[in-house]
Amino acid sequence: MKNKIVLIHKEAEEKRVMVEAKRGEELLKEVAAKYRASGLAPKKLLGCFGG
């Protein structure tokens, strides 16, 4: 019985991680689309090359 509960919790955790990863990807796509639409590059990205 205990093993079954542990297995259920493990599966739930894996699903939660997948949902969070998907949400993060969607957010990244939205931000990228916004920058493409405005024609501007994010300042943090340019900071890496600016020195």
N, C-alpha and C. Protein backbone atom coordinates (compact mmCIF):
# COMPACT_ATOMS: atom_id res chain seq x y z
N MET A 1 0.84 -1.20 0.00
CA MET A 1 0.00 0.00 0.00
C MET A 1 0.87 1.26 0.00
N LYS A 2 1.93 1.25 0.81
CA LYS A 2 2.81 2.41 0.89
C LYS A 2 3.49 2.67 -0.45
N ASN A 3 3.92 1.59 -1.11
CA ASN A 3 4.58 1.73 -2.41
C ASN A 3 3.65 2.37 -3.44
N LYS A 4 2.37 2.01 -3.38
CA LYS A 4 1.39 2.56 -4.31
C LYS A 4 1.25 4.07 -4.11
N ILE A 5 1.22 4.50 -2.85
CA ILE A 5 1.11 5.92 -2.54
C ILE A 5 2.36 6.66 -3.03
N VAL A 6 3.52 6.08 -2.80
CA VAL A 6 4.77 6.70 -3.24
C VAL A 6 4.77 6.82 -4.76
N LEU A 7 4.32 5.79 -5.45
CA LEU A 7 4.26 5.81 -6.92
C LEU A 7 3.32 6.90 -7.41
N ILE A 8 2.17 7.04 -6.78
CA ILE A 8 1.20 8.07 -7.17
C ILE A 8 1.80 9.46 -6.97
N HIS A 9 2.48 9.66 -5.85
CA HIS A 9 3.11 10.96 -5.59
C HIS A 9 4.20 11.25 -6.62
N LYS A 10 4.95 10.23 -6.97
CA LYS A 10 6.03 10.40 -7.95
C LYS A 10 5.45 10.78 -9.31
N GLU A 11 4.38 10.11 -9.73
CA GLU A 11 3.74 10.42 -11.01
C GLU A 11 3.17 11.84 -11.00
N ALA A 12 2.56 12.23 -9.89
CA ALA A 12 2.01 13.58 -9.78
C ALA A 12 3.11 14.62 -9.87
N GLU A 13 4.23 14.36 -9.24
CA GLU A 13 5.37 15.29 -9.27
C GLU A 13 5.91 15.42 -10.70
N GLU A 14 6.01 14.30 -11.40
CA GLU A 14 6.49 14.34 -12.78
C GLU A 14 5.55 15.14 -13.66
N LYS A 15 4.25 14.95 -13.49
CA LYS A 15 3.27 15.72 -14.28
C LYS A 15 3.37 17.20 -13.98
N ARG A 16 3.55 17.53 -12.69
CA ARG A 16 3.66 18.93 -12.29
C ARG A 16 4.89 19.57 -12.94
N VAL A 17 5.99 18.85 -12.95
CA VAL A 17 7.22 19.37 -13.55
C VAL A 17 7.02 19.59 -15.05
N MET A 18 6.34 18.66 -15.70
CA MET A 18 6.09 18.80 -17.14
C MET A 18 5.23 20.02 -17.43
N VAL A 19 4.20 20.24 -16.61
CA VAL A 19 3.31 21.40 -16.80
C VAL A 19 4.09 22.69 -16.61
N GLU A 20 4.94 22.73 -15.58
CA GLU A 20 5.75 23.93 -15.33
C GLU A 20 6.71 24.19 -16.48
N ALA A 21 7.32 23.16 -17.01
CA ALA A 21 8.25 23.31 -18.13
C ALA A 21 7.52 23.84 -19.36
N LYS A 22 6.34 23.31 -19.61
CA LYS A 22 5.55 23.76 -20.75
C LYS A 22 5.17 25.23 -20.61
N ARG A 23 4.77 25.60 -19.38
CA ARG A 23 4.39 26.99 -19.11
C ARG A 23 5.58 27.91 -19.34
N GLY A 24 6.76 27.48 -18.92
CA GLY A 24 7.97 28.27 -19.11
C GLY A 24 8.29 28.46 -20.58
N GLU A 25 8.14 27.40 -21.36
CA GLU A 25 8.39 27.49 -22.80
C GLU A 25 7.41 28.46 -23.46
N GLU A 26 6.14 28.39 -23.07
CA GLU A 26 5.14 29.28 -23.64
C GLU A 26 5.44 30.73 -23.31
N LEU A 27 5.87 30.98 -22.08
CA LEU A 27 6.22 32.33 -21.66
C LEU A 27 7.41 32.84 -22.47
N LEU A 28 8.40 31.98 -22.67
CA LEU A 28 9.56 32.35 -23.46
C LEU A 28 9.15 32.71 -24.90
N LYS A 29 8.25 31.92 -25.47
CA LYS A 29 7.78 32.18 -26.83
C LYS A 29 7.06 33.51 -26.91
N GLU A 30 6.26 33.83 -25.88
CA GLU A 30 5.54 35.11 -25.86
C GLU A 30 6.53 36.27 -25.81
N VAL A 31 7.53 36.15 -24.94
CA VAL A 31 8.53 37.22 -24.81
C VAL A 31 9.30 37.38 -26.11
N ALA A 32 9.69 36.27 -26.71
CA ALA A 32 10.44 36.31 -27.98
C ALA A 32 9.59 36.96 -29.06
N ALA A 33 8.31 36.61 -29.12
CA ALA A 33 7.41 37.19 -30.13
C ALA A 33 7.28 38.70 -29.91
N LYS A 34 7.22 39.12 -28.66
CA LYS A 34 7.10 40.55 -28.35
C LYS A 34 8.33 41.30 -28.84
N TYR A 35 9.51 40.74 -28.58
CA TYR A 35 10.74 41.40 -29.02
C TYR A 35 10.85 41.41 -30.55
N ARG A 36 10.43 40.32 -31.19
CA ARG A 36 10.46 40.28 -32.65
C ARG A 36 9.51 41.33 -33.23
N ALA A 37 8.35 41.46 -32.62
CA ALA A 37 7.35 42.41 -33.12
C ALA A 37 7.84 43.85 -32.96
N SER A 38 8.53 44.12 -31.86
CA SER A 38 8.99 45.49 -31.60
C SER A 38 10.30 45.78 -32.32
N GLY A 39 11.02 44.73 -32.72
CA GLY A 39 12.29 44.92 -33.42
C GLY A 39 13.44 45.25 -32.48
N LEU A 40 13.23 45.15 -31.19
CA LEU A 40 14.27 45.45 -30.21
C LEU A 40 14.81 44.15 -29.61
N ALA A 41 16.08 44.20 -29.24
CA ALA A 41 16.67 43.05 -28.56
C ALA A 41 16.64 43.30 -27.05
N PRO A 42 16.48 42.27 -26.26
CA PRO A 42 16.48 42.46 -24.81
C PRO A 42 17.82 43.02 -24.32
N LYS A 43 17.78 43.97 -23.41
CA LYS A 43 19.00 44.63 -22.91
C LYS A 43 19.91 43.64 -22.19
N LYS A 44 19.35 42.67 -21.50
CA LYS A 44 20.17 41.70 -20.77
C LYS A 44 21.02 40.90 -21.76
N LEU A 45 20.45 40.56 -22.89
CA LEU A 45 21.19 39.80 -23.90
C LEU A 45 22.32 40.63 -24.46
N LEU A 46 22.08 41.90 -24.73
CA LEU A 46 23.11 42.77 -25.28
C LEU A 46 24.21 43.03 -24.27
N GLY A 47 23.88 42.97 -22.99
CA GLY A 47 24.88 43.18 -21.93
C GLY A 47 25.99 42.16 -22.01
N CYS A 48 25.71 40.97 -22.48
CA CYS A 48 26.72 39.93 -22.59
C CYS A 48 27.77 40.30 -23.63
N PHE A 49 27.38 41.01 -24.68
CA PHE A 49 28.29 41.33 -25.77
C PHE A 49 28.90 42.72 -25.62
N GLY A 50 28.26 43.57 -24.84
CA GLY A 50 28.70 44.95 -24.71
C GLY A 50 29.97 45.12 -23.90
N GLY A 51 30.27 44.19 -23.02
CA GLY A 51 31.49 44.25 -22.25
C GLY A 51 31.27 45.01 -21.04
